[in-house]
């Protein structure tokens, strides 16, 4: 595949590219040096990175699914965080470089205006009493309260309540009145508004670590076992070199849209770790040795570790001081 040149761009993009080239022709010297992990808010720290110095940014933001570090946020706060971080990347990504965001397919937040999801669990019922039977008993005995109706039908008061009001699924996206929102469209909207263009998407299929658990839900909703990596491109010349991978690697995963490898089984250093294989593949596929890789939600430092092992420079940052300490310790031990 030939390198992407200005002449091959649609005319509508040529002026935009010329602006980008002029913007980064004389890099602004930033305060943040490479090969270091910084403590602070990514929305502020990114602006201290030299313009056009990042070949590839890989990060996995908070998913807004109830982790402890996001429990106090509102949906608007979460959305503002991601939108501002993506926008700030425009300054630091080199023309032709990439922004890769690993994120779950959905996010969940409480919405009191959403109808409550109810389900009649026929296959899991312990009591043969039906909703129709309860309603018939109430019609025949309007003077009876719920306790008396339960005694009449030979079931518990809770069974009467469930038959009347439905069984609401619980936990994560299964909580009552939890709105489930598709993330991909949001991320694309924010990246496009910042000037990036959708380039690729990979699906990471994780191992079903709950396979031996007794997970169950009173609904038809699935247990999520995959995440997406959305890859965005900043207009410019992108070097395409398949020699970065072996022919077997290109066949097995370089050219494949679906990646399958295990998740982290024990999140002992951070509650949302991703496996080393994820940033390793992205770094090998989308960057060259000597390039600088950014992770603005560095967590336990996985992206930085992968970059260092692959002879790339790295810049990591996180607002959680404990995560920064953990990342630095991992890098110090190799």
C-alpha atoms as a PDB file:
ATOM      1  CA  UNK A   1       0.000   0.000   0.000  1.00  0.00           C
ATOM      2  CA  UNK A   2       1.495   3.425  -0.943  1.00  0.00           C
ATOM      3  CA  UNK A   3       1.960   6.130   1.640  1.00  0.00           C
ATOM      4  CA  UNK A   4      -0.928   8.572   1.921  1.00  0.00           C
ATOM      5  CA  UNK A   5       0.023  11.855   0.218  1.00  0.00           C
ATOM      6  CA  UNK A   6      -1.560  15.288   0.112  1.00  0.00           C
ATOM      7  CA  UNK A   7      -2.435  14.854  -3.555  1.00  0.00           C
ATOM      8  CA  UNK A   8      -4.462  11.736  -2.777  1.00  0.00           C
ATOM      9  CA  UNK A   9      -6.612  13.572  -0.227  1.00  0.00           C
ATOM     10  CA  UNK A  10     -10.053  14.889  -1.155  1.00  0.00           C
ATOM     11  CA  UNK A  11      -9.886  18.633  -1.751  1.00  0.00           C
ATOM     12  CA  UNK A  12     -12.095  19.186   1.269  1.00  0.00           C
ATOM     13  CA  UNK A  13      -9.282  17.794   3.467  1.00  0.00           C
ATOM     14  CA  UNK A  14      -6.289  19.389   1.792  1.00  0.00           C
ATOM     15  CA  UNK A  15      -6.737  22.763   3.475  1.00  0.00           C
ATOM     16  CA  UNK A  16      -7.226  21.059   6.812  1.00  0.00           C
ATOM     17  CA  UNK A  17      -3.990  19.109   6.338  1.00  0.00           C
ATOM     18  CA  UNK A  18      -2.072  22.254   5.377  1.00  0.00           C
ATOM     19  CA  UNK A  19      -3.330  23.856   8.580  1.00  0.00           C
ATOM     20  CA  UNK A  20      -2.160  20.845  10.597  1.00  0.00           C
ATOM     21  CA  UNK A  21       1.251  20.875   8.946  1.00  0.00           C
ATOM     22  CA  UNK A  22       1.665  24.577   9.679  1.00  0.00           C
ATOM     23  CA  UNK A  23       0.474  24.084  13.245  1.00  0.00           C
ATOM     24  CA  UNK A  24       3.130  21.455  13.986  1.00  0.00           C
ATOM     25  CA  UNK A  25       5.943  22.723  11.764  1.00  0.00           C
ATOM     26  CA  UNK A  26       7.580  24.428  14.751  1.00  0.00           C
ATOM     27  CA  UNK A  27       6.803  22.185  17.753  1.00  0.00           C
ATOM     28  CA  UNK A  28       5.960  23.941  20.978  1.00  0.00           C
ATOM     29  CA  UNK A  29       8.302  22.703  23.659  1.00  0.00           C
ATOM     30  CA  UNK A  30       6.281  21.123  26.413  1.00  0.00           C
ATOM     31  CA  UNK A  31       7.165  20.637  30.056  1.00  0.00           C
ATOM     32  CA  UNK A  32       6.569  16.881  30.129  1.00  0.00           C
ATOM     33  CA  UNK A  33       9.506  14.713  29.179  1.00  0.00           C
ATOM     34  CA  UNK A  34       9.133  11.239  27.716  1.00  0.00           C
ATOM     35  CA  UNK A  35       9.709   7.993  29.624  1.00  0.00           C
ATOM     36  CA  UNK A  36       7.947   9.205  32.745  1.00  0.00           C
ATOM     37  CA  UNK A  37       4.623   8.779  34.550  1.00  0.00           C
ATOM     38  CA  UNK A  38       2.907  11.949  35.763  1.00  0.00           C
ATOM     39  CA  UNK A  39       0.298  12.527  38.439  1.00  0.00           C
ATOM     40  CA  UNK A  40      -2.550  14.858  37.514  1.00  0.00           C
ATOM     41  CA  UNK A  41      -5.626  15.528  35.428  1.00  0.00           C
ATOM     42  CA  UNK A  42      -5.112  14.465  31.800  1.00  0.00           C
ATOM     43  CA  UNK A  43      -7.152  17.438  30.590  1.00  0.00           C
ATOM     44  CA  UNK A  44      -4.431  19.738  31.909  1.00  0.00           C
ATOM     45  CA  UNK A  45      -1.312  17.608  31.545  1.00  0.00           C
ATOM     46  CA  UNK A  46      -1.805  16.841  27.841  1.00  0.00           C
ATOM     47  CA  UNK A  47      -1.378  20.520  27.030  1.00  0.00           C
ATOM     48  CA  UNK A  48       2.130  20.317  28.510  1.00  0.00           C
ATOM     49  CA  UNK A  49       3.256  17.786  25.881  1.00  0.00           C
ATOM     50  CA  UNK A  50       5.151  19.065  22.839  1.00  0.00           C
ATOM     51  CA  UNK A  51       2.944  19.560  19.804  1.00  0.00           C
ATOM     52  CA  UNK A  52       2.986  16.728  17.296  1.00  0.00           C
ATOM     53  CA  UNK A  53       5.287  14.580  19.423  1.00  0.00           C
ATOM     54  CA  UNK A  54       2.965  11.589  19.981  1.00  0.00           C
ATOM     55  CA  UNK A  55       2.781   8.920  17.295  1.00  0.00           C
ATOM     56  CA  UNK A  56       0.130   6.852  19.037  1.00  0.00           C
ATOM     57  CA  UNK A  57      -2.083   7.365  22.063  1.00  0.00           C
ATOM     58  CA  UNK A  58      -3.578   4.253  23.661  1.00  0.00           C
ATOM     59  CA  UNK A  59      -5.872   4.467  26.626  1.00  0.00           C
ATOM     60  CA  UNK A  60      -8.819   2.902  28.336  1.00  0.00           C
ATOM     61  CA  UNK A  61     -10.958   5.518  30.077  1.00  0.00           C
ATOM     62  CA  UNK A  62     -13.409   4.996  32.903  1.00  0.00           C
ATOM     63  CA  UNK A  63     -16.373   3.108  31.399  1.00  0.00           C
ATOM     64  CA  UNK A  64     -19.040   4.646  33.636  1.00  0.00           C
ATOM     65  CA  UNK A  65     -20.258   1.271  34.844  1.00  0.00           C
ATOM     66  CA  UNK A  66     -19.937   1.767  38.595  1.00  0.00           C
ATOM     67  CA  UNK A  67     -16.241   1.291  39.430  1.00  0.00           C
ATOM     68  CA  UNK A  68     -15.165   2.855  42.719  1.00  0.00           C
ATOM     69  CA  UNK A  69     -13.143   5.619  41.038  1.00  0.00           C
ATOM     70  CA  UNK A  70     -16.194   6.799  39.062  1.00  0.00           C
ATOM     71  CA  UNK A  71     -18.945   6.127  41.573  1.00  0.00           C
ATOM     72  CA  UNK A  72     -19.392   9.804  42.464  1.00  0.00           C
ATOM     73  CA  UNK A  73     -19.597  11.052  38.867  1.00  0.00           C
ATOM     74  CA  UNK A  74     -22.677  12.073  36.978  1.00  0.00           C
ATOM     75  CA  UNK A  75     -23.135  11.053  33.369  1.00  0.00           C
ATOM     76  CA  UNK A  76     -22.505  14.653  32.279  1.00  0.00           C
ATOM     77  CA  UNK A  77     -19.199  14.701  34.179  1.00  0.00           C
ATOM     78  CA  UNK A  78     -18.107  11.447  32.552  1.00  0.00           C
ATOM     79  CA  UNK A  79     -19.033  12.699  29.085  1.00  0.00           C
ATOM     80  CA  UNK A  80     -17.241  16.012  29.643  1.00  0.00           C
ATOM     81  CA  UNK A  81     -14.074  14.197  30.745  1.00  0.00           C
ATOM     82  CA  UNK A  82     -13.828  12.031  27.643  1.00  0.00           C
ATOM     83  CA  UNK A  83     -14.789  14.802  25.245  1.00  0.00           C
ATOM     84  CA  UNK A  84     -12.172  17.190  26.664  1.00  0.00           C
ATOM     85  CA  UNK A  85      -9.425  14.556  26.701  1.00  0.00           C
ATOM     86  CA  UNK A  86     -10.093  13.597  23.087  1.00  0.00           C
ATOM     87  CA  UNK A  87     -10.138  17.243  22.034  1.00  0.00           C
ATOM     88  CA  UNK A  88      -6.823  17.876  23.807  1.00  0.00           C
ATOM     89  CA  UNK A  89      -5.178  15.123  21.751  1.00  0.00           C
ATOM     90  CA  UNK A  90      -5.393  17.165  18.570  1.00  0.00           C
ATOM     91  CA  UNK A  91      -2.441  19.254  19.711  1.00  0.00           C
ATOM     92  CA  UNK A  92      -0.102  16.368  20.561  1.00  0.00           C
ATOM     93  CA  UNK A  93      -0.787  13.671  17.956  1.00  0.00           C
ATOM     94  CA  UNK A  94       1.571  13.902  14.978  1.00  0.00           C
ATOM     95  CA  UNK A  95       0.028  14.223  11.489  1.00  0.00           C
ATOM     96  CA  UNK A  96      -0.605  10.689  10.283  1.00  0.00           C
ATOM     97  CA  UNK A  97      -0.672   9.435  13.886  1.00  0.00           C
ATOM     98  CA  UNK A  98      -3.364   7.558  15.744  1.00  0.00           C
ATOM     99  CA  UNK A  99      -5.606   7.699  18.779  1.00  0.00           C
ATOM    100  CA  UNK A 100      -6.756   4.263  20.009  1.00  0.00           C
ATOM    101  CA  UNK A 101      -9.477   4.103  22.657  1.00  0.00           C
ATOM    102  CA  UNK A 102     -10.288   0.802  24.381  1.00  0.00           C
ATOM    103  CA  UNK A 103     -13.754   0.929  25.877  1.00  0.00           C
ATOM    104  CA  UNK A 104     -16.716  -1.307  26.646  1.00  0.00           C
ATOM    105  CA  UNK A 105     -19.574  -1.370  24.172  1.00  0.00           C
ATOM    106  CA  UNK A 106     -22.079   0.133  26.578  1.00  0.00           C
ATOM    107  CA  UNK A 107     -22.284   2.456  29.523  1.00  0.00           C
ATOM    108  CA  UNK A 108     -24.921   2.434  32.219  1.00  0.00           C
ATOM    109  CA  UNK A 109     -26.453   5.167  34.305  1.00  0.00           C
ATOM    110  CA  UNK A 110     -29.549   5.582  36.409  1.00  0.00           C
ATOM    111  CA  UNK A 111     -32.509   7.212  34.677  1.00  0.00           C
ATOM    112  CA  UNK A 112     -35.586   7.612  36.880  1.00  0.00           C
ATOM    113  CA  UNK A 113     -37.702   8.427  33.806  1.00  0.00           C
ATOM    114  CA  UNK A 114     -36.975   5.071  32.183  1.00  0.00           C
ATOM    115  CA  UNK A 115     -39.701   2.431  32.584  1.00  0.00           C
ATOM    116  CA  UNK A 116     -38.758  -0.282  35.026  1.00  0.00           C
ATOM    117  CA  UNK A 117     -37.730  -3.489  33.270  1.00  0.00           C
ATOM    118  CA  UNK A 118     -39.913  -6.271  34.615  1.00  0.00           C
ATOM    119  CA  UNK A 119     -39.857  -9.978  33.917  1.00  0.00           C
ATOM    120  CA  UNK A 120     -41.976 -12.991  34.738  1.00  0.00           C
ATOM    121  CA  UNK A 121     -39.448 -15.714  35.458  1.00  0.00           C
ATOM    122  CA  UNK A 122     -41.409 -18.807  34.458  1.00  0.00           C
ATOM    123  CA  UNK A 123     -38.405 -21.117  34.161  1.00  0.00           C
ATOM    124  CA  UNK A 124     -37.023 -20.170  37.590  1.00  0.00           C
ATOM    125  CA  UNK A 125     -40.234 -19.992  39.603  1.00  0.00           C
ATOM    126  CA  UNK A 126     -40.341 -21.763  42.915  1.00  0.00           C
ATOM    127  CA  UNK A 127     -44.036 -21.113  43.356  1.00  0.00           C
ATOM    128  CA  UNK A 128     -46.695 -22.137  40.795  1.00  0.00           C
ATOM    129  CA  UNK A 129     -48.802 -19.099  41.720  1.00  0.00           C
ATOM    130  CA  UNK A 130     -49.364 -16.906  38.662  1.00  0.00           C
ATOM    131  CA  UNK A 131     -50.152 -13.232  38.285  1.00  0.00           C
ATOM    132  CA  UNK A 132     -53.598 -14.188  37.029  1.00  0.00           C
ATOM    133  CA  UNK A 133     -54.209 -16.225  40.184  1.00  0.00           C
ATOM    134  CA  UNK A 134     -53.243 -13.299  42.398  1.00  0.00           C
ATOM    135  CA  UNK A 135     -55.455 -10.887  40.473  1.00  0.00           C
ATOM    136  CA  UNK A 136     -58.369 -13.349  40.602  1.00  0.00           C
ATOM    137  CA  UNK A 137     -57.968 -13.788  44.369  1.00  0.00           C
ATOM    138  CA  UNK A 138     -57.887 -10.028  44.874  1.00  0.00           C
ATOM    139  CA  UNK A 139     -61.029  -9.628  42.789  1.00  0.00           C
ATOM    140  CA  UNK A 140     -62.826 -12.326  44.745  1.00  0.00           C
ATOM    141  CA  UNK A 141     -61.630 -10.997  48.114  1.00  0.00           C
ATOM    142  CA  UNK A 142     -61.233  -7.224  47.893  1.00  0.00           C
ATOM    143  CA  UNK A 143     -61.259  -6.971  51.659  1.00  0.00           C
ATOM    144  CA  UNK A 144     -58.052  -8.987  52.012  1.00  0.00           C
ATOM    145  CA  UNK A 145     -54.609  -7.409  52.311  1.00  0.00           C
ATOM    146  CA  UNK A 146     -51.479  -8.827  50.670  1.00  0.00           C
ATOM    147  CA  UNK A 147     -50.619 -11.029  53.641  1.00  0.00           C
ATOM    148  CA  UNK A 148     -54.090 -12.615  53.600  1.00  0.00           C
ATOM    149  CA  UNK A 149     -53.986 -13.138  49.828  1.00  0.00           C
ATOM    150  CA  UNK A 150     -50.627 -14.890  50.221  1.00  0.00           C
ATOM    151  CA  UNK A 151     -52.064 -17.176  52.918  1.00  0.00           C
ATOM    152  CA  UNK A 152     -55.064 -17.945  50.728  1.00  0.00           C
ATOM    153  CA  UNK A 153     -52.845 -18.915  47.784  1.00  0.00           C
ATOM    154  CA  UNK A 154     -50.338 -20.796  49.902  1.00  0.00           C
ATOM    155  CA  UNK A 155     -47.344 -18.651  48.982  1.00  0.00           C
ATOM    156  CA  UNK A 156     -45.238 -15.907  50.510  1.00  0.00           C
ATOM    157  CA  UNK A 157     -46.057 -12.218  50.608  1.00  0.00           C
ATOM    158  CA  UNK A 158     -42.965 -11.608  48.457  1.00  0.00           C
ATOM    159  CA  UNK A 159     -44.359 -13.916  45.768  1.00  0.00           C
ATOM    160  CA  UNK A 160     -47.574 -11.902  45.668  1.00  0.00           C
ATOM    161  CA  UNK A 161     -45.570  -8.686  45.372  1.00  0.00           C
ATOM    162  CA  UNK A 162     -43.394 -10.086  42.579  1.00  0.00           C
ATOM    163  CA  UNK A 163     -46.393 -11.336  40.608  1.00  0.00           C
ATOM    164  CA  UNK A 164     -48.053  -7.931  40.878  1.00  0.00           C
ATOM    165  CA  UNK A 165     -45.056  -5.700  40.273  1.00  0.00           C
ATOM    166  CA  UNK A 166     -42.646  -7.827  38.265  1.00  0.00           C
ATOM    167  CA  UNK A 167     -39.143  -9.020  39.092  1.00  0.00           C
ATOM    168  CA  UNK A 168     -36.605  -6.301  38.418  1.00  0.00           C
ATOM    169  CA  UNK A 169     -33.154  -7.497  37.495  1.00  0.00           C
ATOM    170  CA  UNK A 170     -30.317  -6.167  39.631  1.00  0.00           C
ATOM    171  CA  UNK A 171     -26.608  -5.365  39.404  1.00  0.00           C
ATOM    172  CA  UNK A 172     -24.688  -3.226  36.861  1.00  0.00           C
ATOM    173  CA  UNK A 173     -26.761  -2.806  33.718  1.00  0.00           C
ATOM    174  CA  UNK A 174     -29.345  -5.049  35.386  1.00  0.00           C
ATOM    175  CA  UNK A 175     -30.316  -2.508  38.041  1.00  0.00           C
ATOM    176  CA  UNK A 176     -33.879  -1.214  37.845  1.00  0.00           C
ATOM    177  CA  UNK A 177     -34.235   1.884  35.654  1.00  0.00           C
ATOM    178  CA  UNK A 178     -30.681   1.682  34.348  1.00  0.00           C
ATOM    179  CA  UNK A 179     -30.313   3.191  30.902  1.00  0.00           C
ATOM    180  CA  UNK A 180     -27.935   1.289  28.638  1.00  0.00           C
ATOM    181  CA  UNK A 181     -26.252   3.515  26.062  1.00  0.00           C
ATOM    182  CA  UNK A 182     -24.093   2.470  23.085  1.00  0.00           C
ATOM    183  CA  UNK A 183     -20.656   4.066  23.410  1.00  0.00           C
ATOM    184  CA  UNK A 184     -19.259   3.801  19.883  1.00  0.00           C
ATOM    185  CA  UNK A 185     -21.355   6.601  18.438  1.00  0.00           C
ATOM    186  CA  UNK A 186     -20.421   8.936  21.274  1.00  0.00           C
ATOM    187  CA  UNK A 187     -16.695   8.331  20.912  1.00  0.00           C
ATOM    188  CA  UNK A 188     -16.872   8.823  17.142  1.00  0.00           C
ATOM    189  CA  UNK A 189     -18.812  12.060  17.588  1.00  0.00           C
ATOM    190  CA  UNK A 190     -16.265  13.504  20.040  1.00  0.00           C
ATOM    191  CA  UNK A 191     -13.254  12.424  17.967  1.00  0.00           C
ATOM    192  CA  UNK A 192     -14.739  13.789  14.740  1.00  0.00           C
ATOM    193  CA  UNK A 193     -15.521  17.101  16.416  1.00  0.00           C
ATOM    194  CA  UNK A 194     -11.858  17.307  17.465  1.00  0.00           C
ATOM    195  CA  UNK A 195     -10.694  16.793  13.857  1.00  0.00           C
ATOM    196  CA  UNK A 196      -9.890  13.076  13.869  1.00  0.00           C
ATOM    197  CA  UNK A 197     -11.291  10.572  11.397  1.00  0.00           C
ATOM    198  CA  UNK A 198     -12.440   7.017  12.167  1.00  0.00           C
ATOM    199  CA  UNK A 199      -9.736   4.703  10.839  1.00  0.00           C
ATOM    200  CA  UNK A 200     -10.365   1.230  12.210  1.00  0.00           C
ATOM    201  CA  UNK A 201     -12.122  -0.771  14.877  1.00  0.00           C
ATOM    202  CA  UNK A 202     -10.987  -3.952  16.586  1.00  0.00           C
ATOM    203  CA  UNK A 203     -13.107  -6.178  18.807  1.00  0.00           C
ATOM    204  CA  UNK A 204     -11.335  -7.687  21.790  1.00  0.00           C
ATOM    205  CA  UNK A 205     -13.048 -10.905  22.888  1.00  0.00           C
ATOM    206  CA  UNK A 206     -12.104 -11.652  26.479  1.00  0.00           C
ATOM    207  CA  UNK A 207     -12.119 -15.002  28.165  1.00  0.00           C
ATOM    208  CA  UNK A 208     -15.389 -15.764  30.001  1.00  0.00           C
ATOM    209  CA  UNK A 209     -13.858 -15.457  33.452  1.00  0.00           C
ATOM    210  CA  UNK A 210     -17.315 -15.964  34.950  1.00  0.00           C
ATOM    211  CA  UNK A 211     -17.674 -19.410  33.274  1.00  0.00           C
ATOM    212  CA  UNK A 212     -17.611 -21.253  36.594  1.00  0.00           C
ATOM    213  CA  UNK A 213     -19.646 -18.706  38.498  1.00  0.00           C
ATOM    214  CA  UNK A 214     -23.338 -18.927  39.291  1.00  0.00           C
ATOM    215  CA  UNK A 215     -24.163 -15.720  37.458  1.00  0.00           C
ATOM    216  CA  UNK A 216     -27.822 -15.343  36.581  1.00  0.00           C
ATOM    217  CA  UNK A 217     -30.165 -12.564  35.607  1.00  0.00           C
ATOM    218  CA  UNK A 218     -33.918 -12.267  35.315  1.00  0.00           C
ATOM    219  CA  UNK A 219     -33.660 -10.965  31.739  1.00  0.00           C
ATOM    220  CA  UNK A 220     -32.463 -11.857  28.247  1.00  0.00           C
ATOM    221  CA  UNK A 221     -29.538  -9.436  28.502  1.00  0.00           C
ATOM    222  CA  UNK A 222     -26.122 -10.912  27.796  1.00  0.00           C
ATOM    223  CA  UNK A 223     -23.051 -11.048  29.957  1.00  0.00           C
ATOM    224  CA  UNK A 224     -20.582  -8.811  28.121  1.00  0.00           C
ATOM    225  CA  UNK A 225     -17.446 -10.691  27.053  1.00  0.00           C
ATOM    226  CA  UNK A 226     -15.904  -8.226  24.622  1.00  0.00           C
ATOM    227  CA  UNK A 227     -14.718  -4.645  24.305  1.00  0.00           C
ATOM    228  CA  UNK A 228     -13.935  -2.375  21.376  1.00  0.00           C
ATOM    229  CA  UNK A 229     -10.781  -0.559  20.349  1.00  0.00           C
ATOM    230  CA  UNK A 230     -11.760   2.494  18.294  1.00  0.00           C
ATOM    231  CA  UNK A 231      -8.860   3.858  16.246  1.00  0.00           C
ATOM    232  CA  UNK A 232      -8.886   7.438  14.957  1.00  0.00           C
ATOM    233  CA  UNK A 233      -6.457   9.059  12.511  1.00  0.00           C
ATOM    234  CA  UNK A 234      -5.085  12.582  12.368  1.00  0.00           C
ATOM    235  CA  UNK A 235      -4.748  13.602   8.696  1.00  0.00           C
ATOM    236  CA  UNK A 236      -1.178  13.348   7.488  1.00  0.00           C
ATOM    237  CA  UNK A 237       1.265  10.882   5.969  1.00  0.00           C
ATOM    238  CA  UNK A 238       0.928   7.466   7.571  1.00  0.00           C
ATOM    239  CA  UNK A 239       3.696   4.961   7.048  1.00  0.00           C
ATOM    240  CA  UNK A 240       2.320   1.526   6.196  1.00  0.00           C
ATOM    241  CA  UNK A 241       4.841  -1.253   6.834  1.00  0.00           C
ATOM    242  CA  UNK A 242       3.577  -4.802   7.162  1.00  0.00           C
ATOM    243  CA  UNK A 243       7.115  -5.918   7.963  1.00  0.00           C
ATOM    244  CA  UNK A 244       6.428  -4.773  11.529  1.00  0.00           C
ATOM    245  CA  UNK A 245       4.727  -8.167  11.935  1.00  0.00           C
ATOM    246  CA  UNK A 246       5.640 -11.631  10.774  1.00  0.00           C
ATOM    247  CA  UNK A 247       3.485 -13.156   8.056  1.00  0.00           C
ATOM    248  CA  UNK A 248       1.886 -15.402  10.682  1.00  0.00           C
ATOM    249  CA  UNK A 249       1.122 -12.453  12.968  1.00  0.00           C
ATOM    250  CA  UNK A 250      -0.366 -10.499  10.097  1.00  0.00           C
ATOM    251  CA  UNK A 251      -2.546 -13.487   9.203  1.00  0.00           C
ATOM    252  CA  UNK A 252      -3.580 -14.273  12.788  1.00  0.00           C
ATOM    253  CA  UNK A 253      -4.285 -10.814  14.178  1.00  0.00           C
ATOM    254  CA  UNK A 254      -2.768  -7.933  12.201  1.00  0.00           C
ATOM    255  CA  UNK A 255      -5.404  -8.149   9.485  1.00  0.00           C
ATOM    256  CA  UNK A 256      -8.183  -9.506  11.689  1.00  0.00           C
ATOM    257  CA  UNK A 257     -10.955  -7.392  13.114  1.00  0.00           C
ATOM    258  CA  UNK A 258     -11.583  -9.695  16.068  1.00  0.00           C
ATOM    259  CA  UNK A 259      -8.839 -10.319  18.627  1.00  0.00           C
ATOM    260  CA  UNK A 260      -9.183 -13.071  21.193  1.00  0.00           C
ATOM    261  CA  UNK A 261      -6.925 -13.249  24.235  1.00  0.00           C
ATOM    262  CA  UNK A 262      -7.474 -13.561  28.006  1.00  0.00           C
ATOM    263  CA  UNK A 263      -8.368 -10.674  30.250  1.00  0.00           C
ATOM    264  CA  UNK A 264      -6.521 -10.007  33.488  1.00  0.00           C
ATOM    265  CA  UNK A 265      -7.768 -12.589  35.967  1.00  0.00           C
ATOM    266  CA  UNK A 266      -6.544 -10.832  39.109  1.00  0.00           C
ATOM    267  CA  UNK A 267      -6.831  -7.059  39.268  1.00  0.00           C
ATOM    268  CA  UNK A 268      -4.575  -6.962  42.293  1.00  0.00           C
ATOM    269  CA  UNK A 269      -2.851  -3.663  41.500  1.00  0.00           C
ATOM    270  CA  UNK A 270      -5.746  -1.833  39.828  1.00  0.00           C
ATOM    271  CA  UNK A 271      -9.413  -2.722  39.564  1.00  0.00           C
ATOM    272  CA  UNK A 272      -9.581  -2.196  35.788  1.00  0.00           C
ATOM    273  CA  UNK A 273      -6.352  -3.606  34.349  1.00  0.00           C
ATOM    274  CA  UNK A 274      -6.123  -4.647  30.734  1.00  0.00           C
ATOM    275  CA  UNK A 275      -3.723  -7.336  29.479  1.00  0.00           C
ATOM    276  CA  UNK A 276      -0.286  -6.489  28.126  1.00  0.00           C
ATOM    277  CA  UNK A 277      -1.237  -8.086  24.800  1.00  0.00           C
ATOM    278  CA  UNK A 278      -3.688  -5.290  23.971  1.00  0.00           C
ATOM    279  CA  UNK A 279      -1.293  -2.305  23.883  1.00  0.00           C
ATOM    280  CA  UNK A 280       1.475  -4.565  22.555  1.00  0.00           C
ATOM    281  CA  UNK A 281      -0.504  -5.345  19.412  1.00  0.00           C
ATOM    282  CA  UNK A 282      -1.538  -1.746  18.856  1.00  0.00           C
ATOM    283  CA  UNK A 283       1.994  -0.425  19.377  1.00  0.00           C
ATOM    284  CA  UNK A 284       3.543  -2.947  16.990  1.00  0.00           C
ATOM    285  CA  UNK A 285       0.856  -2.352  14.374  1.00  0.00           C
ATOM    286  CA  UNK A 286       0.629   1.434  14.449  1.00  0.00           C
ATOM    287  CA  UNK A 287       4.057   2.776  15.473  1.00  0.00           C
ATOM    288  CA  UNK A 288       7.798   2.487  14.872  1.00  0.00           C
ATOM    289  CA  UNK A 289      10.674   1.919  17.325  1.00  0.00           C
ATOM    290  CA  UNK A 290      11.692   5.284  18.728  1.00  0.00           C
ATOM    291  CA  UNK A 291       8.166   6.712  18.550  1.00  0.00           C
ATOM    292  CA  UNK A 292       6.487   8.107  21.657  1.00  0.00           C
ATOM    293  CA  UNK A 293       3.331   6.427  22.995  1.00  0.00           C
ATOM    294  CA  UNK A 294       0.875   8.231  25.275  1.00  0.00           C
ATOM    295  CA  UNK A 295      -1.541   6.804  27.828  1.00  0.00           C
ATOM    296  CA  UNK A 296      -3.500   9.522  29.622  1.00  0.00           C
ATOM    297  CA  UNK A 297      -5.329   7.041  31.892  1.00  0.00           C
ATOM    298  CA  UNK A 298      -2.239   4.954  32.578  1.00  0.00           C
ATOM    299  CA  UNK A 299      -3.614   3.065  35.588  1.00  0.00           C
ATOM    300  CA  UNK A 300      -1.187   0.321  36.532  1.00  0.00           C
ATOM    301  CA  UNK A 301       1.144   1.258  33.666  1.00  0.00           C
ATOM    302  CA  UNK A 302       0.439  -1.527  31.168  1.00  0.00           C
ATOM    303  CA  UNK A 303       0.731   0.657  28.059  1.00  0.00           C
ATOM    304  CA  UNK A 304       3.983   2.201  29.273  1.00  0.00           C
ATOM    305  CA  UNK A 305       5.447  -1.232  30.043  1.00  0.00           C
ATOM    306  CA  UNK A 306       4.523  -2.470  26.561  1.00  0.00           C
ATOM    307  CA  UNK A 307       6.055   0.641  24.968  1.00  0.00           C
ATOM    308  CA  UNK A 308       9.326   0.279  26.879  1.00  0.00           C
ATOM    309  CA  UNK A 309       9.644  -3.405  25.979  1.00  0.00           C
ATOM    310  CA  UNK A 310       9.069  -2.552  22.302  1.00  0.00           C
ATOM    311  CA  UNK A 311      11.743   0.168  22.249  1.00  0.00           C
ATOM    312  CA  UNK A 312       9.284   3.055  22.168  1.00  0.00           C
ATOM    313  CA  UNK A 313       9.240   6.059  24.436  1.00  0.00           C
ATOM    314  CA  UNK A 314       6.212   6.598  26.621  1.00  0.00           C
ATOM    315  CA  UNK A 315       4.319   9.276  28.509  1.00  0.00           C
ATOM    316  CA  UNK A 316       1.821   8.166  31.122  1.00  0.00           C
ATOM    317  CA  UNK A 317      -0.507  10.131  33.378  1.00  0.00           C
ATOM    318  CA  UNK A 318      -3.230   9.406  35.882  1.00  0.00           C
ATOM    319  CA  UNK A 319      -5.253  11.406  38.375  1.00  0.00           C
ATOM    320  CA  UNK A 320      -4.985   8.586  40.940  1.00  0.00           C
ATOM    321  CA  UNK A 321      -1.706   8.969  42.830  1.00  0.00           C
ATOM    322  CA  UNK A 322      -1.730   5.319  43.911  1.00  0.00           C
ATOM    323  CA  UNK A 323      -1.974   4.231  40.275  1.00  0.00           C
ATOM    324  CA  UNK A 324       0.979   6.464  39.396  1.00  0.00           C
ATOM    325  CA  UNK A 325       3.080   4.855  42.127  1.00  0.00           C
ATOM    326  CA  UNK A 326       2.093   1.386  40.902  1.00  0.00           C
ATOM    327  CA  UNK A 327       2.935   2.242  37.286  1.00  0.00           C
ATOM    328  CA  UNK A 328       6.340   3.620  38.244  1.00  0.00           C
ATOM    329  CA  UNK A 329       7.110   0.507  40.277  1.00  0.00           C
ATOM    330  CA  UNK A 330       6.172  -1.794  37.377  1.00  0.00           C
ATOM    331  CA  UNK A 331       8.416   0.141  34.997  1.00  0.00           C
ATOM    332  CA  UNK A 332      11.292   0.105  37.482  1.00  0.00           C
ATOM    333  CA  UNK A 333      11.145  -3.686  37.678  1.00  0.00           C
ATOM    334  CA  UNK A 334      10.826  -4.125  33.902  1.00  0.00           C
END
